[in-house]
Amino acid sequence: MDFDKRLTRAIERGQHLRNAQAREDADKAMTEEDLRNLHSQCRLEISEHIDNCLERLGDHFLGFQFQTIVREDGWGAKINRDDIGLSDSGKADNFYSRLEMVVKPFGSSQIIELTAKGTIRNKEILTRSHYQFLRQVDVDSFKELIDLWVLEFAENYSARS
């Protein structure tokens, strides 16, 4: 067999291999509906962990009110409280503290995103955001972040109140 025939066959084998790989990749590719379902499953697991952590945090600091969040911009929970105390000038003043964590809804970017905002005595001390692509999502890492953020808030709250 001469070189040109062997070259032609090698090219054909390469093309068949490429086509087979493309079919396999297409089979593995997640459809938009699959991604929505995955986002929903992850969101439920993450928001349940948020609920548990914030409820337990509220149990340690009396006066915090727990509330589950279900709205257009996400799902999660928050705890908050209002206190009356003396300001730096010696006058009576209102002090607001809260911690809110929300999982954002599914969007065109195909990510799952968690946001957190924390305020202690009218001062914002925590603003965090974390996301992962749904195709590579690791729910346990979200749970670890939630734990870390709740612990950070608890430490700051106990130091300032």
Protein backbone atom coordinates (compact mmCIF):
# COMPACT_ATOMS: atom_id res chain seq x y z
CA MET A 1 0.00 0.00 0.00
CA ASP A 2 1.44 3.31 -0.96
CA PHE A 3 1.75 6.32 1.29
CA ASP A 4 -1.19 8.30 -0.19
CA LYS A 5 -3.69 5.49 0.52
CA ARG A 6 -2.39 5.10 4.07
CA LEU A 7 -2.61 8.86 4.56
CA THR A 8 -6.22 8.91 3.31
CA ARG A 9 -7.18 6.07 5.66
CA ALA A 10 -5.50 7.77 8.60
CA ILE A 11 -7.45 10.96 7.89
CA GLU A 12 -10.72 9.00 7.65
CA ARG A 13 -10.01 7.23 10.96
CA GLY A 14 -9.33 10.60 12.57
CA GLN A 15 -12.60 12.01 11.25
CA HIS A 16 -14.54 8.99 12.52
CA LEU A 17 -12.91 9.37 15.91
CA ARG A 18 -13.77 13.09 15.99
CA ASN A 19 -17.40 12.38 15.04
CA ALA A 20 -17.69 9.69 17.69
CA GLN A 21 -16.26 12.06 20.30
CA ALA A 22 -18.69 14.81 19.24
CA ARG A 23 -21.64 12.41 19.62
CA GLU A 24 -20.42 11.36 23.04
CA ASP A 25 -20.00 14.99 24.13
CA ALA A 26 -23.50 15.81 22.88
CA ASP A 27 -24.91 12.90 24.89
CA LYS A 28 -23.11 14.13 28.01
CA ALA A 29 -24.15 17.75 27.54
CA MET A 30 -26.88 18.77 29.89
CA THR A 31 -29.99 20.31 28.48
CA GLU A 32 -31.38 23.54 29.89
CA GLU A 33 -34.13 21.56 31.62
CA ASP A 34 -31.53 19.27 33.23
CA LEU A 35 -29.65 22.33 34.49
CA ARG A 36 -32.86 23.84 35.90
CA ASN A 37 -33.61 20.60 37.74
CA LEU A 38 -30.07 20.42 39.10
CA HIS A 39 -30.29 24.06 40.24
CA SER A 40 -33.56 23.27 42.01
CA GLN A 41 -32.10 20.26 43.81
CA CYS A 42 -29.01 22.19 44.90
CA ARG A 43 -31.06 25.21 45.93
CA LEU A 44 -33.29 23.08 48.14
CA GLU A 45 -30.35 21.42 49.86
CA ILE A 46 -28.46 24.69 50.34
CA SER A 47 -31.48 26.69 51.54
CA GLU A 48 -32.34 23.93 54.03
CA HIS A 49 -28.82 24.17 55.43
CA ILE A 50 -29.19 27.97 55.66
CA ASP A 51 -32.46 27.53 57.59
CA ASN A 52 -30.86 25.11 60.05
CA CYS A 53 -27.77 27.26 60.67
CA LEU A 54 -29.63 30.55 61.11
CA GLU A 55 -32.24 29.00 63.40
CA ARG A 56 -29.49 27.57 65.59
CA LEU A 57 -27.68 30.93 65.60
CA GLY A 58 -30.89 32.65 66.69
CA ASP A 59 -31.23 30.14 69.55
CA HIS A 60 -27.89 31.29 70.96
CA PHE A 61 -28.69 35.01 70.82
CA LEU A 62 -32.10 35.70 72.31
CA GLY A 63 -34.20 38.32 70.59
CA PHE A 64 -33.40 37.36 67.01
CA GLN A 65 -36.40 36.59 64.86
CA PHE A 66 -36.03 33.90 62.23
CA GLN A 67 -37.74 34.18 58.85
CA THR A 68 -37.63 31.93 55.79
CA ILE A 69 -37.17 33.82 52.54
CA VAL A 70 -39.06 32.86 49.40
CA ARG A 71 -39.21 35.66 46.88
CA GLU A 72 -38.39 36.53 43.26
CA ASP A 73 -34.73 37.24 43.94
CA GLY A 74 -34.04 34.01 45.81
CA TRP A 75 -34.63 31.50 48.58
CA GLY A 76 -33.01 31.30 51.97
CA ALA A 77 -33.48 32.72 55.44
CA LYS A 78 -32.69 35.64 57.68
CA ILE A 79 -32.52 36.50 61.34
CA ASN A 80 -32.89 40.03 62.63
CA ARG A 81 -33.41 42.00 65.79
CA ASP A 82 -33.92 45.59 66.91
CA ASP A 83 -32.31 46.88 70.08
CA ILE A 84 -32.55 50.14 71.96
CA GLY A 85 -29.38 51.38 73.54
CA LEU A 86 -27.18 54.37 74.09
CA SER A 87 -25.33 55.81 71.14
CA ASP A 88 -21.81 57.24 71.36
CA SER A 89 -23.31 60.65 72.18
CA GLY A 90 -25.27 59.23 75.14
CA LYS A 91 -28.72 59.45 73.53
CA ALA A 92 -31.14 56.55 73.23
CA ASP A 93 -30.86 54.99 69.79
CA ASN A 94 -32.23 52.09 67.76
CA PHE A 95 -29.78 49.38 66.69
CA TYR A 96 -30.58 46.92 63.96
CA SER A 97 -28.78 43.59 63.46
CA ARG A 98 -29.43 40.94 60.83
CA LEU A 99 -27.92 38.10 58.84
CA GLU A 100 -29.51 37.12 55.53
CA MET A 101 -28.47 34.35 53.15
CA VAL A 102 -30.13 33.78 49.79
CA VAL A 103 -29.67 31.37 46.88
CA LYS A 104 -30.30 33.28 43.66
CA PRO A 105 -32.72 31.88 41.02
CA PHE A 106 -31.60 30.02 37.90
CA GLY A 107 -30.41 32.34 35.13
CA SER A 108 -28.86 32.28 31.71
CA SER A 109 -25.34 32.04 33.15
CA GLN A 110 -26.08 28.48 34.41
CA ILE A 111 -24.60 29.02 37.86
CA ILE A 112 -25.81 28.61 41.39
CA GLU A 113 -25.09 31.67 43.51
CA LEU A 114 -25.24 32.26 47.25
CA THR A 115 -25.22 35.75 48.75
CA ALA A 116 -24.97 36.83 52.37
CA LYS A 117 -25.38 40.19 54.10
CA GLY A 118 -24.74 40.84 57.75
CA THR A 119 -25.35 43.95 59.82
CA ILE A 120 -24.50 44.41 63.50
CA ARG A 121 -25.75 47.46 65.38
CA ASN A 122 -26.46 49.40 62.16
CA LYS A 123 -23.04 48.63 60.63
CA GLU A 124 -22.73 46.30 57.68
CA ILE A 125 -19.97 43.86 58.55
CA LEU A 126 -20.47 41.11 56.02
CA THR A 127 -21.24 41.10 52.31
CA ARG A 128 -20.36 37.88 50.57
CA SER A 129 -21.17 36.15 47.32
CA HIS A 130 -20.13 32.75 46.02
CA TYR A 131 -21.08 30.91 42.86
CA GLN A 132 -20.27 27.73 40.97
CA PHE A 133 -21.14 26.54 37.50
CA LEU A 134 -23.93 23.99 37.68
CA ARG A 135 -21.94 21.48 35.63
CA GLN A 136 -19.26 21.49 38.35
CA VAL A 137 -21.34 22.19 41.45
CA ASP A 138 -20.18 20.96 44.87
CA VAL A 139 -22.97 21.44 47.41
CA ASP A 140 -20.72 20.52 50.33
CA SER A 141 -18.48 23.50 49.63
CA PHE A 142 -21.56 25.76 49.81
CA LYS A 143 -22.48 24.23 53.17
CA GLU A 144 -18.96 24.83 54.47
CA LEU A 145 -19.15 28.49 53.37
CA ILE A 146 -22.52 28.91 55.07
CA ASP A 147 -21.07 27.50 58.28
CA LEU A 148 -18.05 29.79 58.00
CA TRP A 149 -20.15 32.92 57.36
CA VAL A 150 -22.55 32.13 60.24
CA LEU A 151 -19.61 31.56 62.60
CA GLU A 152 -18.01 34.82 61.47
CA PHE A 153 -21.26 36.69 62.15
CA ALA A 154 -21.67 35.03 65.56
CA GLU A 155 -18.15 35.96 66.59
CA ASN A 156 -18.58 39.58 65.48
CA TYR A 157 -22.01 39.87 67.08
CA SER A 158 -20.84 38.53 70.43
CA ALA A 159 -17.83 40.89 70.35
CA ARG A 160 -19.95 43.99 69.60
CA SER A 161 -23.06 43.47 71.69
